[in-house]
Amino acid sequence: MTPPDLDDAWRLTHLGRLMGDALRRFDARVLQLMARNVEVPLALSNLAARDQVSAAHIHITRHLSLSGDRLTDLAARAGMSKQAMASLVDQCIAWGLVERGSDPLDARARRVCFTPTGLAWLQAFRDAVTQAETEFRAEVGDAVAAVVSIGLETYGSSGTQ
């Protein structure tokens, strides 16, 4: 039984919850736009349309540098375990988005790099993010969008306290 003086509404409206809800909505819209993009290879577009590509897969798109990365660096940048990132990389290899290659700086290491298909996917991701941001600005207004962007950039770059 819930104590009568315990207010539960705060769990739905605190800043972390609101940011999480907004991120899920934004990522879902990006994937929806990518599924409709004729420049995305058909097989990948079909995966996105059938919800086979998730926000987790977007981590690779967001965090893999154009020159490629070692798996451990990619996982750290995405805030994921090496094992979880390895699983995502394996899926993306199967889809033709990325490949593992040798690391010119360390013969024992492997680098994850975009394939030409992956670079087309990355461009589609960029186009979808641009469209989703435009829609966000239209919904909340340019002034609010600017404040949100500046606030999130400041908060995200300031690290932990």
N, C-alpha and C. Protein backbone atom coordinates (compact mmCIF):
# COMPACT_ATOMS: atom_id res chain seq x y z
N MET A 1 0.83 -1.18 0.00
CA MET A 1 0.00 0.00 0.00
C MET A 1 0.87 1.24 0.00
N THR A 2 0.50 2.24 -0.80
CA THR A 2 1.26 3.47 -0.92
C THR A 2 0.91 4.42 0.21
N PRO A 3 1.92 4.94 0.88
CA PRO A 3 1.64 5.95 1.91
C PRO A 3 0.92 7.15 1.30
N PRO A 4 -0.05 7.72 2.00
CA PRO A 4 -0.87 8.81 1.44
C PRO A 4 -0.07 10.07 1.11
N ASP A 5 1.07 10.29 1.76
CA ASP A 5 1.81 11.53 1.53
C ASP A 5 2.92 11.36 0.47
N LEU A 6 3.02 10.19 -0.16
CA LEU A 6 4.04 9.96 -1.16
C LEU A 6 3.51 10.33 -2.55
N ASP A 7 4.13 11.34 -3.16
CA ASP A 7 3.73 11.81 -4.49
C ASP A 7 4.55 11.05 -5.53
N ASP A 8 3.87 10.40 -6.47
CA ASP A 8 4.53 9.59 -7.48
C ASP A 8 4.66 10.30 -8.82
N ALA A 9 4.04 11.44 -8.99
CA ALA A 9 4.01 12.13 -10.29
C ALA A 9 5.40 12.59 -10.72
N TRP A 10 6.30 12.87 -9.81
CA TRP A 10 7.62 13.37 -10.16
C TRP A 10 8.39 12.39 -11.05
N ARG A 11 8.07 11.10 -10.94
CA ARG A 11 8.79 10.11 -11.74
C ARG A 11 8.51 10.27 -13.23
N LEU A 12 7.39 10.87 -13.58
CA LEU A 12 7.03 11.06 -14.98
C LEU A 12 7.51 12.39 -15.55
N THR A 13 7.91 13.31 -14.68
CA THR A 13 8.20 14.66 -15.15
C THR A 13 9.60 15.16 -14.82
N HIS A 14 10.47 14.32 -14.24
CA HIS A 14 11.81 14.83 -13.94
C HIS A 14 12.62 14.94 -15.24
N LEU A 15 13.64 15.74 -15.21
CA LEU A 15 14.41 16.09 -16.41
C LEU A 15 14.98 14.86 -17.12
N GLY A 16 15.50 13.90 -16.39
CA GLY A 16 16.06 12.70 -17.01
C GLY A 16 15.00 11.94 -17.79
N ARG A 17 13.83 11.81 -17.23
CA ARG A 17 12.73 11.11 -17.91
C ARG A 17 12.32 11.86 -19.17
N LEU A 18 12.21 13.18 -19.06
CA LEU A 18 11.82 13.99 -20.22
C LEU A 18 12.86 13.91 -21.33
N MET A 19 14.16 13.95 -20.97
CA MET A 19 15.21 13.84 -21.99
C MET A 19 15.19 12.45 -22.63
N GLY A 20 14.97 11.42 -21.82
CA GLY A 20 14.90 10.06 -22.35
C GLY A 20 13.73 9.89 -23.30
N ASP A 21 12.57 10.40 -22.92
CA ASP A 21 11.39 10.32 -23.79
C ASP A 21 11.64 11.06 -25.11
N ALA A 22 12.25 12.25 -25.01
CA ALA A 22 12.53 13.04 -26.21
C ALA A 22 13.54 12.31 -27.11
N LEU A 23 14.56 11.70 -26.52
CA LEU A 23 15.55 10.98 -27.31
C LEU A 23 14.92 9.78 -28.02
N ARG A 24 14.08 9.05 -27.33
CA ARG A 24 13.41 7.90 -27.96
C ARG A 24 12.52 8.37 -29.13
N ARG A 25 11.81 9.47 -28.93
CA ARG A 25 10.96 10.00 -30.01
C ARG A 25 11.81 10.45 -31.19
N PHE A 26 12.89 11.16 -30.90
CA PHE A 26 13.77 11.66 -31.96
C PHE A 26 14.38 10.50 -32.75
N ASP A 27 14.93 9.51 -32.04
CA ASP A 27 15.55 8.36 -32.71
C ASP A 27 14.52 7.58 -33.54
N ALA A 28 13.32 7.42 -33.02
CA ALA A 28 12.27 6.71 -33.76
C ALA A 28 11.95 7.48 -35.05
N ARG A 29 11.89 8.79 -34.97
CA ARG A 29 11.60 9.59 -36.17
C ARG A 29 12.74 9.48 -37.17
N VAL A 30 13.98 9.52 -36.70
CA VAL A 30 15.14 9.38 -37.59
C VAL A 30 15.07 8.03 -38.32
N LEU A 31 14.79 6.96 -37.58
CA LEU A 31 14.71 5.65 -38.21
C LEU A 31 13.55 5.58 -39.21
N GLN A 32 12.44 6.22 -38.87
CA GLN A 32 11.30 6.25 -39.79
C GLN A 32 11.67 6.98 -41.08
N LEU A 33 12.36 8.09 -40.97
CA LEU A 33 12.79 8.84 -42.14
C LEU A 33 13.79 8.04 -42.97
N MET A 34 14.69 7.33 -42.30
CA MET A 34 15.68 6.52 -43.01
C MET A 34 15.00 5.38 -43.76
N ALA A 35 13.96 4.82 -43.17
CA ALA A 35 13.25 3.72 -43.82
C ALA A 35 12.59 4.18 -45.11
N ARG A 36 12.26 5.47 -45.19
CA ARG A 36 11.60 6.02 -46.37
C ARG A 36 12.56 6.64 -47.38
N ASN A 37 13.85 6.70 -47.04
CA ASN A 37 14.83 7.37 -47.88
C ASN A 37 15.23 6.45 -49.03
N VAL A 38 15.00 6.90 -50.27
CA VAL A 38 15.30 6.07 -51.44
C VAL A 38 16.80 5.90 -51.66
N GLU A 39 17.62 6.71 -51.00
CA GLU A 39 19.08 6.59 -51.12
C GLU A 39 19.64 5.48 -50.23
N VAL A 40 18.86 5.03 -49.26
CA VAL A 40 19.29 3.95 -48.38
C VAL A 40 19.14 2.64 -49.15
N PRO A 41 20.18 1.79 -49.14
CA PRO A 41 20.03 0.50 -49.81
C PRO A 41 18.76 -0.21 -49.35
N LEU A 42 18.07 -0.84 -50.29
CA LEU A 42 16.75 -1.41 -50.04
C LEU A 42 16.73 -2.36 -48.85
N ALA A 43 17.71 -3.22 -48.75
CA ALA A 43 17.73 -4.19 -47.64
C ALA A 43 17.78 -3.47 -46.30
N LEU A 44 18.58 -2.40 -46.21
CA LEU A 44 18.68 -1.64 -44.96
C LEU A 44 17.40 -0.85 -44.70
N SER A 45 16.84 -0.31 -45.75
CA SER A 45 15.58 0.41 -45.62
C SER A 45 14.49 -0.52 -45.10
N ASN A 46 14.45 -1.74 -45.61
CA ASN A 46 13.47 -2.72 -45.15
C ASN A 46 13.70 -3.10 -43.69
N LEU A 47 14.96 -3.22 -43.28
CA LEU A 47 15.25 -3.51 -41.87
C LEU A 47 14.75 -2.38 -40.98
N ALA A 48 14.99 -1.14 -41.39
CA ALA A 48 14.53 0.01 -40.61
C ALA A 48 13.01 0.05 -40.58
N ALA A 49 12.38 -0.22 -41.71
CA ALA A 49 10.91 -0.17 -41.78
C ALA A 49 10.28 -1.25 -40.90
N ARG A 50 10.95 -2.37 -40.73
CA ARG A 50 10.41 -3.47 -39.91
C ARG A 50 10.92 -3.41 -38.47
N ASP A 51 11.47 -2.27 -38.08
CA ASP A 51 11.97 -2.06 -36.71
C ASP A 51 13.05 -3.06 -36.32
N GLN A 52 13.83 -3.52 -37.30
CA GLN A 52 14.96 -4.40 -37.00
C GLN A 52 16.19 -3.58 -36.61
N VAL A 53 16.23 -2.33 -37.07
CA VAL A 53 17.30 -1.42 -36.69
C VAL A 53 16.78 -0.63 -35.50
N SER A 54 17.56 -0.62 -34.45
CA SER A 54 17.11 0.05 -33.23
C SER A 54 18.00 1.24 -32.91
N ALA A 55 17.62 1.93 -31.88
CA ALA A 55 18.43 3.06 -31.41
C ALA A 55 19.84 2.58 -31.05
N ALA A 56 19.97 1.35 -30.60
CA ALA A 56 21.30 0.82 -30.28
C ALA A 56 22.19 0.80 -31.52
N HIS A 57 21.62 0.46 -32.67
CA HIS A 57 22.41 0.46 -33.91
C HIS A 57 22.82 1.87 -34.31
N ILE A 58 22.02 2.82 -33.90
CA ILE A 58 22.38 4.21 -34.20
C ILE A 58 23.65 4.62 -33.46
N HIS A 59 23.96 3.93 -32.35
CA HIS A 59 25.20 4.23 -31.63
C HIS A 59 26.40 4.11 -32.56
N ILE A 60 26.41 3.10 -33.40
CA ILE A 60 27.53 2.96 -34.33
C ILE A 60 27.53 4.14 -35.30
N THR A 61 26.37 4.49 -35.81
CA THR A 61 26.27 5.60 -36.75
C THR A 61 26.71 6.91 -36.09
N ARG A 62 26.33 7.10 -34.85
CA ARG A 62 26.69 8.33 -34.14
C ARG A 62 28.16 8.39 -33.75
N HIS A 63 28.74 7.26 -33.42
CA HIS A 63 30.04 7.29 -32.75
C HIS A 63 31.23 6.78 -33.56
N LEU A 64 31.01 6.04 -34.64
CA LEU A 64 32.13 5.53 -35.43
C LEU A 64 32.72 6.66 -36.26
N SER A 65 34.01 6.91 -36.09
CA SER A 65 34.65 7.98 -36.85
C SER A 65 34.83 7.55 -38.30
N LEU A 66 34.95 8.51 -39.18
CA LEU A 66 35.10 8.22 -40.60
C LEU A 66 36.38 7.45 -40.90
N SER A 67 37.38 7.61 -40.06
CA SER A 67 38.64 6.88 -40.26
C SER A 67 38.62 5.51 -39.60
N GLY A 68 37.54 5.18 -38.91
CA GLY A 68 37.42 3.89 -38.23
C GLY A 68 37.92 3.97 -36.79
N ASP A 69 37.56 2.98 -36.02
CA ASP A 69 37.94 2.95 -34.60
C ASP A 69 38.18 1.52 -34.15
N ARG A 70 38.97 1.39 -33.12
CA ARG A 70 39.09 0.11 -32.44
C ARG A 70 37.80 -0.11 -31.67
N LEU A 71 37.41 -1.36 -31.53
CA LEU A 71 36.15 -1.71 -30.87
C LEU A 71 36.08 -1.12 -29.47
N THR A 72 37.17 -1.20 -28.72
CA THR A 72 37.15 -0.69 -27.34
C THR A 72 36.90 0.82 -27.31
N ASP A 73 37.50 1.55 -28.25
CA ASP A 73 37.30 3.01 -28.31
C ASP A 73 35.86 3.34 -28.72
N LEU A 74 35.34 2.59 -29.68
CA LEU A 74 33.96 2.81 -30.13
C LEU A 74 32.98 2.54 -29.00
N ALA A 75 33.19 1.45 -28.28
CA ALA A 75 32.31 1.11 -27.15
C ALA A 75 32.37 2.19 -26.08
N ALA A 76 33.56 2.65 -25.76
CA ALA A 76 33.71 3.68 -24.73
C ALA A 76 33.00 4.97 -25.15
N ARG A 77 33.18 5.37 -26.41
CA ARG A 77 32.54 6.59 -26.89
C ARG A 77 31.02 6.48 -26.85
N ALA A 78 30.50 5.29 -27.11
CA ALA A 78 29.05 5.07 -27.12
C ALA A 78 28.51 4.78 -25.73
N GLY A 79 29.38 4.61 -24.74
CA GLY A 79 28.93 4.31 -23.38
C GLY A 79 28.37 2.90 -23.25
N MET A 80 28.96 1.96 -23.99
CA MET A 80 28.50 0.57 -23.98
C MET A 80 29.65 -0.34 -23.59
N SER A 81 29.31 -1.55 -23.19
CA SER A 81 30.35 -2.53 -22.92
C SER A 81 30.96 -2.98 -24.24
N LYS A 82 32.18 -3.47 -24.18
CA LYS A 82 32.84 -3.97 -25.38
C LYS A 82 32.05 -5.13 -25.98
N GLN A 83 31.49 -5.98 -25.13
CA GLN A 83 30.73 -7.14 -25.60
C GLN A 83 29.46 -6.71 -26.33
N ALA A 84 28.74 -5.73 -25.77
CA ALA A 84 27.52 -5.25 -26.42
C ALA A 84 27.85 -4.59 -27.75
N MET A 85 28.92 -3.81 -27.79
CA MET A 85 29.31 -3.16 -29.04
C MET A 85 29.75 -4.21 -30.06
N ALA A 86 30.45 -5.24 -29.62
CA ALA A 86 30.89 -6.30 -30.55
C ALA A 86 29.68 -6.96 -31.20
N SER A 87 28.63 -7.17 -30.43
CA SER A 87 27.41 -7.76 -30.98
C SER A 87 26.78 -6.84 -32.03
N LEU A 88 26.72 -5.56 -31.74
CA LEU A 88 26.18 -4.59 -32.71
C LEU A 88 27.04 -4.53 -33.97
N VAL A 89 28.35 -4.55 -33.78
CA VAL A 89 29.26 -4.51 -34.93
C VAL A 89 29.05 -5.76 -35.78
N ASP A 90 28.90 -6.92 -35.14
CA ASP A 90 28.66 -8.14 -35.90
C ASP A 90 27.38 -8.04 -36.75
N GLN A 91 26.32 -7.48 -36.16
CA GLN A 91 25.08 -7.29 -36.93
C GLN A 91 25.31 -6.33 -38.09
N CYS A 92 26.02 -5.25 -37.83
CA CYS A 92 26.25 -4.25 -38.87
C CYS A 92 27.18 -4.79 -39.96
N ILE A 93 28.07 -5.70 -39.61
CA ILE A 93 28.89 -6.37 -40.62
C ILE A 93 27.99 -7.22 -41.50
N ALA A 94 27.09 -7.97 -40.88
CA ALA A 94 26.16 -8.82 -41.64
C ALA A 94 25.29 -8.00 -42.57
N TRP A 95 24.97 -6.78 -42.19
CA TRP A 95 24.14 -5.90 -43.02
C TRP A 95 24.96 -5.13 -44.05
N GLY A 96 26.29 -5.24 -43.96
CA GLY A 96 27.15 -4.56 -44.92
C GLY A 96 27.45 -3.11 -44.60
N LEU A 97 27.18 -2.69 -43.37
CA LEU A 97 27.42 -1.29 -42.98
C LEU A 97 28.87 -1.02 -42.62
N VAL A 98 29.49 -1.98 -41.94
CA VAL A 98 30.86 -1.82 -41.47
C VAL A 98 31.64 -3.08 -41.78
N GLU A 99 32.95 -2.96 -41.63
CA GLU A 99 33.83 -4.11 -41.75
C GLU A 99 34.96 -3.97 -40.74
N ARG A 100 35.55 -5.10 -40.42
CA ARG A 100 36.72 -5.08 -39.55
C ARG A 100 37.96 -5.17 -40.44
N GLY A 101 38.92 -4.32 -40.15
CA GLY A 101 40.16 -4.33 -40.91
C GLY A 101 41.34 -4.21 -39.97
N SER A 102 42.51 -4.26 -40.53
CA SER A 102 43.71 -4.16 -39.70
C SER A 102 43.89 -2.72 -39.23
N ASP A 103 44.56 -2.60 -38.10
CA ASP A 103 44.86 -1.29 -37.52
C ASP A 103 46.29 -0.93 -37.91
N PRO A 104 46.49 0.16 -38.64
CA PRO A 104 47.84 0.50 -39.07
C PRO A 104 48.79 0.85 -37.92
N LEU A 105 48.24 1.16 -36.76
CA LEU A 105 49.06 1.52 -35.61
C LEU A 105 49.40 0.34 -34.71
N ASP A 106 48.67 -0.76 -34.85
CA ASP A 106 48.88 -1.93 -33.99
C ASP A 106 48.48 -3.18 -34.77
N ALA A 107 49.44 -3.98 -35.14
CA ALA A 107 49.19 -5.16 -35.97
C ALA A 107 48.28 -6.17 -35.28
N ARG A 108 48.22 -6.13 -33.95
CA ARG A 108 47.36 -7.07 -33.22
C ARG A 108 45.92 -6.61 -33.15
N ALA A 109 45.69 -5.33 -33.36
CA ALA A 109 44.34 -4.76 -33.21
C ALA A 109 43.60 -4.75 -34.53
N ARG A 110 42.29 -4.64 -34.43
CA ARG A 110 41.40 -4.53 -35.59
C ARG A 110 40.64 -3.22 -35.49
N ARG A 111 40.33 -2.65 -36.63
CA ARG A 111 39.55 -1.41 -36.69
C ARG A 111 38.21 -1.69 -37.35
N VAL A 112 37.19 -1.03 -36.84
CA VAL A 112 35.86 -1.09 -37.44
C VAL A 112 35.75 0.15 -38.32
N CYS A 113 35.40 -0.07 -39.59
CA CYS A 113 35.30 1.03 -40.56
C CYS A 113 33.99 0.92 -41.33
N PHE A 114 33.49 2.06 -41.75
CA PHE A 114 32.32 2.06 -42.63
C PHE A 114 32.68 1.46 -43.98
N THR A 115 31.75 0.73 -44.56
CA THR A 115 31.85 0.27 -45.95
C THR A 115 31.23 1.36 -46.83
N PRO A 116 31.33 1.25 -48.15
CA PRO A 116 30.61 2.21 -49.00
C PRO A 116 29.11 2.23 -48.70
N THR A 117 28.53 1.07 -48.43
CA THR A 117 27.11 1.02 -48.05
C THR A 117 26.90 1.74 -46.72
N GLY A 118 27.83 1.55 -45.80
CA GLY A 118 27.75 2.22 -44.51
C GLY A 118 27.85 3.74 -44.64
N LEU A 119 28.67 4.20 -45.58
CA LEU A 119 28.76 5.65 -45.81
C LEU A 119 27.47 6.19 -46.40
N ALA A 120 26.80 5.41 -47.25
CA ALA A 120 25.48 5.82 -47.77
C ALA A 120 24.48 5.87 -46.62
N TRP A 121 24.56 4.89 -45.72
CA TRP A 121 23.71 4.86 -44.52
C TRP A 121 23.98 6.09 -43.67
N LEU A 122 25.25 6.43 -43.50
CA LEU A 122 25.63 7.60 -42.70
C LEU A 122 25.05 8.88 -43.31
N GLN A 123 25.09 9.00 -44.63
CA GLN A 123 24.50 10.18 -45.28
C GLN A 123 23.00 10.22 -45.07
N ALA A 124 22.35 9.07 -45.17
CA ALA A 124 20.91 9.00 -44.92
C ALA A 124 20.61 9.37 -43.47
N PHE A 125 21.47 8.95 -42.55
CA PHE A 125 21.32 9.31 -41.14
C PHE A 125 21.42 10.82 -40.98
N ARG A 126 22.40 11.42 -41.64
CA ARG A 126 22.57 12.87 -41.57
C ARG A 126 21.33 13.58 -42.10
N ASP A 127 20.82 13.13 -43.24
CA ASP A 127 19.62 13.73 -43.83
C ASP A 127 18.42 13.60 -42.89
N ALA A 128 18.28 12.42 -42.27
CA ALA A 128 17.15 12.18 -41.36
C ALA A 128 17.27 13.03 -40.10
N VAL A 129 18.47 13.15 -39.57
CA VAL A 129 18.67 13.99 -38.38
C VAL A 129 18.34 15.44 -38.72
N THR A 130 18.77 15.90 -39.87
CA THR A 130 18.46 17.27 -40.29
C THR A 130 16.95 17.48 -40.37
N GLN A 131 16.24 16.52 -40.97
CA GLN A 131 14.78 16.61 -41.08
C GLN A 131 14.12 16.57 -39.71
N ALA A 132 14.57 15.67 -38.85
CA ALA A 132 13.98 15.55 -37.51
C ALA A 132 14.22 16.82 -36.70
N GLU A 133 15.40 17.41 -36.84
CA GLU A 133 15.68 18.67 -36.15
C GLU A 133 14.79 19.79 -36.68
N THR A 134 14.57 19.81 -37.99
CA THR A 134 13.68 20.81 -38.59
C THR A 134 12.27 20.66 -38.04
N GLU A 135 11.80 19.42 -37.94
CA GLU A 135 10.47 19.16 -37.38
C GLU A 135 10.40 19.56 -35.91
N PHE A 136 11.47 19.30 -35.15
CA PHE A 136 11.52 19.71 -33.75
C PHE A 136 11.40 21.23 -33.64
N ARG A 137 12.17 21.93 -34.45
CA ARG A 137 12.13 23.40 -34.44
C ARG A 137 10.73 23.91 -34.81
N ALA A 138 10.10 23.28 -35.77
CA ALA A 138 8.75 23.70 -36.18
C ALA A 138 7.75 23.46 -35.05
N GLU A 139 7.94 22.40 -34.29
CA GLU A 139 6.99 22.07 -33.22
C GLU A 139 7.16 22.95 -31.99
N VAL A 140 8.41 23.24 -31.61
CA VAL A 140 8.63 23.99 -30.37
C VAL A 140 9.01 25.44 -30.60
N GLY A 141 9.34 25.80 -31.84
CA GLY A 141 9.76 27.16 -32.14
C GLY A 141 11.27 27.29 -32.11
N ASP A 142 11.78 28.22 -32.91
CA ASP A 142 13.23 28.40 -33.02
C ASP A 142 13.87 28.82 -31.71
N ALA A 143 13.22 29.71 -30.96
CA ALA A 143 13.81 30.19 -29.71
C ALA A 143 13.95 29.06 -28.69
N VAL A 144 12.91 28.27 -28.53
CA VAL A 144 12.96 27.14 -27.58
C VAL A 144 13.99 26.12 -28.06
N ALA A 145 14.01 25.83 -29.36
CA ALA A 145 14.97 24.86 -29.90
C ALA A 145 16.40 25.32 -29.64
N ALA A 146 16.67 26.60 -29.79
CA ALA A 146 18.01 27.13 -29.54
C ALA A 146 18.39 26.98 -28.07
N VAL A 147 17.47 27.30 -27.18
CA VAL A 147 17.74 27.17 -25.74
C VAL A 147 17.97 25.71 -25.37
N VAL A 148 17.13 24.82 -25.89
CA VAL A 148 17.29 23.39 -25.62
C VAL A 148 18.65 22.92 -26.10
N SER A 149 19.02 23.29 -27.31
CA SER A 149 20.30 22.86 -27.88
C SER A 149 21.48 23.37 -27.06
N ILE A 150 21.47 24.64 -26.73
CA ILE A 150 22.55 25.22 -25.93
C ILE A 150 22.59 24.57 -24.54
N GLY A 151 21.44 24.40 -23.94
CA GLY A 151 21.39 23.79 -22.60
C GLY A 151 21.91 22.36 -22.60
N LEU A 152 21.48 21.56 -23.58
CA LEU A 152 21.94 20.17 -23.64
C LEU A 152 23.42 20.08 -23.96
N GLU A 153 23.90 20.95 -24.85
CA GLU A 153 25.32 20.96 -25.17
C GLU A 153 26.15 21.32 -23.94
N THR A 154 25.72 22.33 -23.21
CA THR A 154 26.43 22.74 -22.00
C THR A 154 26.41 21.65 -20.95
N TYR A 155 25.23 21.10 -20.72
CA TYR A 155 25.07 20.05 -19.70
C TYR A 155 25.87 18.80 -20.08
N GLY A 156 25.79 18.40 -21.35
CA GLY A 156 26.48 17.19 -21.78
C GLY A 156 27.99 17.31 -21.81
N SER A 157 28.49 18.51 -22.04
CA SER A 157 29.95 18.68 -22.13
C SER A 157 30.59 18.99 -20.78
N SER A 158 29.77 19.27 -19.76
CA SER A 158 30.34 19.64 -18.47
C SER A 158 30.76 18.44 -17.63
N GLY A 159 30.42 17.23 -18.06
CA GLY A 159 30.84 16.04 -17.33
C GLY A 159 30.04 15.83 -16.07
N THR A 160 30.50 14.90 -15.26
CA THR A 160 29.81 14.59 -14.01
C THR A 160 30.34 15.47 -12.89
N GLN A 161 29.51 15.67 -11.93
CA GLN A 161 29.87 16.53 -10.79
C GLN A 161 30.46 15.73 -9.67
